[in-house]
C-alpha atoms as a PDB file:
ATOM      1  CA  MET A   1     -13.970  48.602   7.559  1.00  0.00           C
ATOM      2  CA  ASP A   2     -14.320  52.328   6.956  1.00  0.00           C
ATOM      3  CA  LEU A   3     -17.524  54.024   8.051  1.00  0.00           C
ATOM      4  CA  LYS A   4     -19.267  55.096   4.867  1.00  0.00           C
ATOM      5  CA  ASN A   5     -21.232  58.162   5.814  1.00  0.00           C
ATOM      6  CA  LYS A   6     -20.393  60.515   2.924  1.00  0.00           C
ATOM      7  CA  ALA A   7     -22.221  60.693  -0.395  1.00  0.00           C
ATOM      8  CA  LEU A   8     -20.509  61.237  -3.727  1.00  0.00           C
ATOM      9  CA  ASN A   9     -22.842  62.110  -6.576  1.00  0.00           C
ATOM     10  CA  LEU A  10     -21.732  61.236 -10.100  1.00  0.00           C
ATOM     11  CA  ARG A  11     -23.180  62.049 -13.468  1.00  0.00           C
ATOM     12  CA  VAL A  12     -23.034  59.123 -15.860  1.00  0.00           C
ATOM     13  CA  SER A  13     -24.495  58.362 -19.258  1.00  0.00           C
ATOM     14  CA  ASP A  14     -27.296  55.842 -19.763  1.00  0.00           C
ATOM     15  CA  ARG A  15     -24.716  53.482 -21.302  1.00  0.00           C
ATOM     16  CA  GLN A  16     -22.419  53.769 -18.290  1.00  0.00           C
ATOM     17  CA  ARG A  17     -25.238  53.264 -15.814  1.00  0.00           C
ATOM     18  CA  ALA A  18     -26.459  50.151 -17.632  1.00  0.00           C
ATOM     19  CA  ALA A  19     -22.953  48.707 -17.851  1.00  0.00           C
ATOM     20  CA  TYR A  20     -22.311  49.334 -14.147  1.00  0.00           C
ATOM     21  CA  GLU A  21     -25.616  47.746 -13.180  1.00  0.00           C
ATOM     22  CA  ARG A  22     -24.984  44.657 -15.358  1.00  0.00           C
ATOM     23  CA  ALA A  23     -21.415  44.241 -14.072  1.00  0.00           C
ATOM     24  CA  ALA A  24     -22.472  44.695 -10.444  1.00  0.00           C
ATOM     25  CA  ALA A  25     -25.256  42.124 -10.847  1.00  0.00           C
ATOM     26  CA  LEU A  26     -22.839  39.610 -12.381  1.00  0.00           C
ATOM     27  CA  GLU A  27     -20.466  40.087  -9.428  1.00  0.00           C
ATOM     28  CA  GLY A  28     -23.255  40.010  -6.871  1.00  0.00           C
ATOM     29  CA  MET A  29     -22.469  43.470  -5.548  1.00  0.00           C
ATOM     30  CA  SER A  30     -24.056  46.885  -5.478  1.00  0.00           C
ATOM     31  CA  VAL A  31     -23.332  49.462  -8.143  1.00  0.00           C
ATOM     32  CA  SER A  32     -21.859  51.635  -5.407  1.00  0.00           C
ATOM     33  CA  ALA A  33     -19.441  48.871  -4.358  1.00  0.00           C
ATOM     34  CA  LEU A  34     -18.450  48.227  -7.989  1.00  0.00           C
ATOM     35  CA  VAL A  35     -17.765  51.902  -8.716  1.00  0.00           C
ATOM     36  CA  THR A  36     -15.926  52.602  -5.460  1.00  0.00           C
ATOM     37  CA  SER A  37     -13.743  49.499  -5.778  1.00  0.00           C
ATOM     38  CA  GLY A  38     -12.677  50.599  -9.259  1.00  0.00           C
ATOM     39  CA  ALA A  39     -12.084  54.160  -8.085  1.00  0.00           C
ATOM     40  CA  ASP A  40     -10.116  52.883  -5.060  1.00  0.00           C
ATOM     41  CA  GLU A  41      -7.787  50.853  -7.286  1.00  0.00           C
ATOM     42  CA  ARG A  42      -7.187  53.749  -9.669  1.00  0.00           C
ATOM     43  CA  ALA A  43      -6.625  56.229  -6.828  1.00  0.00           C
ATOM     44  CA  GLU A  44      -4.011  53.915  -5.303  1.00  0.00           C
ATOM     45  CA  GLN A  45      -2.238  53.624  -8.673  1.00  0.00           C
ATOM     46  CA  ILE A  46      -2.144  57.399  -9.074  1.00  0.00           C
ATOM     47  CA  LEU A  47      -1.007  58.027  -5.496  1.00  0.00           C
ATOM     48  CA  HIS A  48       1.723  55.407  -5.837  1.00  0.00           C
ATOM     49  CA  ALA A  49       2.907  56.860  -9.151  1.00  0.00           C
ATOM     50  CA  HIS A  50       3.249  60.299  -7.576  1.00  0.00           C
ATOM     51  CA  ALA A  51       4.851  59.090  -4.340  1.00  0.00           C
ATOM     52  CA  SER A  52       8.216  58.389  -5.906  1.00  0.00           C
ATOM     53  CA  MET A  53      10.406  59.646  -8.683  1.00  0.00           C
ATOM     54  CA  THR A  54      12.553  57.655 -11.071  1.00  0.00           C
ATOM     55  CA  VAL A  55      15.743  59.250 -12.319  1.00  0.00           C
ATOM     56  CA  PRO A  56      18.572  57.936 -14.474  1.00  0.00           C
ATOM     57  CA  ALA A  57      21.370  56.201 -12.563  1.00  0.00           C
ATOM     58  CA  ASP A  58      23.897  58.947 -13.342  1.00  0.00           C
ATOM     59  CA  VAL A  59      21.604  61.613 -11.892  1.00  0.00           C
ATOM     60  CA  PHE A  60      21.135  59.530  -8.743  1.00  0.00           C
ATOM     61  CA  ASP A  61      24.890  59.040  -8.448  1.00  0.00           C
ATOM     62  CA  GLN A  62      25.420  62.809  -8.782  1.00  0.00           C
ATOM     63  CA  LEU A  63      22.878  63.431  -6.044  1.00  0.00           C
ATOM     64  CA  LEU A  64      24.565  60.978  -3.685  1.00  0.00           C
ATOM     65  CA  SER A  65      27.946  62.504  -4.449  1.00  0.00           C
ATOM     66  CA  ALA A  66      26.629  65.995  -3.703  1.00  0.00           C
ATOM     67  CA  LEU A  67      25.155  64.802  -0.409  1.00  0.00           C
ATOM     68  CA  ASP A  68      28.490  63.275   0.563  1.00  0.00           C
ATOM     69  CA  GLN A  69      30.327  66.580   0.052  1.00  0.00           C
ATOM     70  CA  GLN A  70      31.042  68.470   3.239  1.00  0.00           C
ATOM     71  CA  THR A  71      30.084  72.121   3.098  1.00  0.00           C
ATOM     72  CA  PRO A  72      31.323  74.790   5.480  1.00  0.00           C
ATOM     73  CA  LEU A  73      28.951  76.112   8.118  1.00  0.00           C
ATOM     74  CA  ALA A  74      27.782  79.693   8.021  1.00  0.00           C
ATOM     75  CA  ALA A  75      29.778  81.970  10.318  1.00  0.00           C
ATOM     76  CA  SER A  76      26.805  82.482  12.633  1.00  0.00           C
ATOM     77  CA  LEU A  77      26.466  78.720  13.127  1.00  0.00           C
ATOM     78  CA  GLU A  78      30.185  78.340  13.768  1.00  0.00           C
ATOM     79  CA  LYS A  79      29.924  81.024  16.440  1.00  0.00           C
ATOM     80  CA  ALA A  80      26.890  79.345  18.028  1.00  0.00           C
ATOM     81  CA  PHE A  81      28.746  76.057  18.285  1.00  0.00           C
ATOM     82  CA  ASP A  82      31.819  77.736  19.764  1.00  0.00           C
ATOM     83  CA  GLU A  83      29.853  79.590  22.460  1.00  0.00           C
ATOM     84  CA  PRO A  84      27.553  77.122  24.211  1.00  0.00           C
ATOM     85  CA  ARG A  85      24.666  78.839  25.968  1.00  0.00           C
ATOM     86  CA  PHE A  86      23.273  75.901  27.901  1.00  0.00           C
ATOM     87  CA  GLU A  87      24.839  73.706  30.549  1.00  0.00           C
ATOM     88  CA  ASN A  88      24.244  69.982  30.855  1.00  0.00           C
ATOM     89  CA  ARG A  89      23.169  69.142  34.393  1.00  0.00           C
END
């Protein structure tokens, strides 16, 4: 269980406050637990939605094809590979 030592102040309307209090009472939980559980669920949905990207299959296939293409190394990298500077001991 996470240590809950931070406060988050919210401004709500009278209607919202009453609804939260009634719902929390019906569930046998505190208003704080009701609100944070709802916020936790929504935050997870949003984070999950932004953690991945969906693209059409043809775009994905083009990306994979581009990644499979071999590209030449820059001249400076070629030179570095041809002239090792360290010895394996």
